Amino acid sequence: MGWLRKNFRIPEEWTQKRVLLHFEAVAGDCIVLVNGREAGHNFDSHLPFDMDISDYINRDAENELLVGVRHTKLFDKSHPVYKKMGATYPTGSNTDDLIGIWQDVYLLGVPEVRITDVFVQPWVDKNELVLEGQKEHLRAGGHRNSDS
C-alpha cells in the first residue's frame, strides 16, 4: 500500500459546519485516516465519493490526512460462473494499470441539513415543471439520513 500525507487546517468560519472530504476519483482500494483514526474506505476507480470527517478533525489545530491506496489487481480472483473474468474491474481498457489519487481532492464545509440532489423534469406540453429533491441530514458519528 502506498501512502500520501497532507496537513491541513479548518477555516474559522466552518465552526458550525460539518466537514466533508471529497475525492473526485481514486483508483484502487483506498483507506483514509484523519489524525490517526480511520475515517473511511472506498474501492473504485472512476467514481467520486466523499466522507464526513467532522468527528475526526481538530477545529482549532493542524490536522493530518493519510490516504493509503492498494492496486485493484491485488483483489483479482476467479468466479466459478465467470471463469474467463479474473478481475474486479473491466479488462482491456487503457485504465487497467491506473492506481492512486488521479483527480481533485478537497474539503467542503456544509450545513448539517442540506439538499444534495435535484432532478428537474419539464413538461412543456402541460406547462409544468416537476422537481424532485433529496435532503441529507449529517449527524455526529458520520451518520447520514436521506429523504426524497
Protein backbone atom coordinates (compact mmCIF):
# COMPACT_ATOMS: atom_id res chain seq x y z
CA MET A 1 0.00 0.00 0.00
CA GLY A 2 1.26 3.45 -0.91
CA TRP A 3 0.53 6.34 1.46
CA LEU A 4 0.14 10.07 0.84
CA ARG A 5 0.17 12.62 3.67
CA LYS A 6 -1.17 16.16 3.87
CA ASN A 7 -1.52 18.53 6.83
CA PHE A 8 -4.41 20.99 6.83
CA ARG A 9 -6.36 23.42 9.00
CA ILE A 10 -10.11 24.03 9.10
CA PRO A 11 -11.21 27.64 8.35
CA GLU A 12 -12.54 29.52 11.39
CA GLU A 13 -15.84 30.25 9.64
CA TRP A 14 -16.59 26.49 9.48
CA THR A 15 -17.10 26.10 13.26
CA GLN A 16 -20.83 25.33 12.87
CA LYS A 17 -20.46 23.24 9.70
CA ARG A 18 -19.91 19.57 9.01
CA VAL A 19 -16.66 18.95 7.12
CA LEU A 20 -16.69 16.65 4.10
CA LEU A 21 -13.57 15.28 2.44
CA HIS A 22 -14.35 14.87 -1.26
CA PHE A 23 -12.40 12.77 -3.78
CA GLU A 24 -13.19 13.15 -7.48
CA ALA A 25 -11.60 9.73 -8.15
CA VAL A 26 -9.20 7.26 -6.56
CA ALA A 27 -8.20 4.13 -8.44
CA GLY A 28 -7.82 1.19 -6.10
CA ASP A 29 -8.61 0.21 -2.55
CA CYS A 30 -8.47 3.48 -0.60
CA ILE A 31 -8.22 3.89 3.18
CA VAL A 32 -8.50 7.37 4.71
CA LEU A 33 -7.05 8.22 8.13
CA VAL A 34 -7.61 11.60 9.78
CA ASN A 35 -5.40 12.31 12.79
CA GLY A 36 -4.53 8.62 13.06
CA ARG A 37 -8.13 7.35 13.06
CA GLU A 38 -9.79 5.55 10.14
CA ALA A 39 -12.42 7.88 8.70
CA GLY A 40 -13.45 5.84 5.69
CA HIS A 41 -12.75 3.30 2.99
CA ASN A 42 -13.54 3.18 -0.75
CA PHE A 43 -12.88 0.65 -3.52
CA ASP A 44 -13.34 2.01 -7.04
CA SER A 45 -11.51 3.55 -9.97
CA HIS A 46 -13.65 6.22 -11.57
CA LEU A 47 -16.47 7.49 -9.35
CA PRO A 48 -16.36 10.42 -6.92
CA PHE A 49 -17.02 9.87 -3.23
CA ASP A 50 -16.99 11.87 -0.02
CA MET A 51 -16.91 11.20 3.68
CA ASP A 52 -17.90 13.22 6.71
CA ILE A 53 -14.69 13.76 8.71
CA SER A 54 -16.19 16.19 11.24
CA ASP A 55 -15.77 13.80 14.16
CA TYR A 56 -12.08 13.19 13.37
CA ILE A 57 -10.75 16.74 12.97
CA ASN A 58 -9.32 19.34 15.33
CA ARG A 59 -11.14 22.56 14.52
CA ASP A 60 -8.54 24.84 16.13
CA ALA A 61 -5.32 22.97 15.34
CA GLU A 62 -3.49 21.35 12.45
CA ASN A 63 -4.85 18.03 11.17
CA GLU A 64 -3.09 15.16 9.43
CA LEU A 65 -4.65 13.36 6.47
CA LEU A 66 -3.24 10.00 5.38
CA VAL A 67 -4.58 8.28 2.27
CA GLY A 68 -3.45 4.74 1.52
CA VAL A 69 -4.11 3.10 -1.85
CA ARG A 70 -3.68 -0.53 -2.96
CA HIS A 71 -3.82 -1.66 -6.58
CA THR A 72 -7.10 -3.31 -7.63
CA LYS A 73 -5.16 -6.23 -9.10
CA LEU A 74 -4.34 -7.36 -5.56
CA PHE A 75 -8.03 -8.33 -5.33
CA ASP A 76 -8.22 -10.35 -8.56
CA LYS A 77 -9.97 -13.66 -8.13
CA SER A 78 -11.85 -16.10 -10.29
CA HIS A 79 -15.58 -16.57 -10.02
CA PRO A 80 -16.99 -20.03 -10.78
CA VAL A 81 -19.63 -18.62 -13.13
CA TYR A 82 -17.27 -16.22 -14.94
CA LYS A 83 -14.10 -18.26 -15.29
CA LYS A 84 -12.64 -16.04 -18.01
CA MET A 85 -13.12 -12.88 -15.92
CA GLY A 86 -10.47 -12.89 -13.19
CA ALA A 87 -10.64 -9.25 -12.16
CA THR A 88 -12.86 -6.94 -10.14
CA TYR A 89 -12.75 -4.37 -12.96
CA PRO A 90 -13.34 -4.49 -16.73
CA THR A 91 -10.24 -5.65 -18.57
CA GLY A 92 -8.91 -4.40 -21.87
CA SER A 93 -9.22 -0.68 -21.27
CA ASN A 94 -6.37 1.78 -21.05
CA THR A 95 -7.03 2.16 -17.32
CA ASP A 96 -6.04 -1.39 -16.31
CA ASP A 97 -2.93 -0.10 -14.54
CA LEU A 98 -4.43 3.11 -13.21
CA ILE A 99 -3.73 3.43 -9.49
CA GLY A 100 -3.80 6.18 -6.91
CA ILE A 101 -5.49 9.54 -6.49
CA TRP A 102 -5.92 10.73 -10.05
CA GLN A 103 -8.41 13.57 -9.72
CA ASP A 104 -9.02 16.51 -7.36
CA VAL A 105 -9.41 16.20 -3.59
CA TYR A 106 -10.89 18.98 -1.46
CA LEU A 107 -12.71 19.85 1.77
CA LEU A 108 -16.27 21.15 1.90
CA GLY A 109 -17.88 22.96 4.83
CA VAL A 110 -21.59 22.13 4.65
CA PRO A 111 -24.62 22.72 6.89
CA GLU A 112 -25.86 19.79 8.96
CA VAL A 113 -29.05 19.64 6.87
CA ARG A 114 -28.66 20.25 3.15
CA ILE A 115 -30.06 19.45 -0.29
CA THR A 116 -27.76 17.00 -2.05
CA ASP A 117 -29.55 16.24 -5.30
CA VAL A 118 -32.20 17.84 -7.51
CA PHE A 119 -33.93 16.38 -10.55
CA VAL A 120 -35.87 18.76 -12.79
CA GLN A 121 -38.36 17.41 -15.33
CA PRO A 122 -40.03 19.92 -17.69
CA TRP A 123 -43.47 19.03 -19.06
CA VAL A 124 -43.58 21.60 -21.85
CA ASP A 125 -46.90 20.42 -23.29
CA LYS A 126 -48.55 20.79 -19.83
CA ASN A 127 -46.68 23.98 -18.93
CA GLU A 128 -45.41 22.25 -15.76
CA LEU A 129 -42.09 21.79 -14.08
CA VAL A 130 -41.68 18.78 -11.77
CA LEU A 131 -38.92 18.95 -9.14
CA GLU A 132 -37.59 16.10 -7.04
CA GLY A 133 -35.01 16.75 -4.37
CA GLN A 134 -33.02 14.80 -1.84
CA LYS A 135 -32.27 16.17 1.60
CA GLU A 136 -29.42 14.88 3.74
CA HIS A 137 -29.03 15.27 7.50
CA LEU A 138 -25.43 14.78 8.67
CA ARG A 139 -25.18 13.86 12.33
CA ALA A 140 -22.38 13.27 14.78
CA GLY A 141 -20.74 9.91 14.25
CA GLY A 142 -20.83 10.35 10.46
CA HIS A 143 -24.43 9.05 10.22
CA ARG A 144 -26.48 10.23 7.29
CA ASN A 145 -30.24 10.35 6.96
CA SER A 146 -31.57 10.99 3.45
CA ASP A 147 -35.12 11.91 2.46
CA SER A 148 -36.57 12.32 -1.00
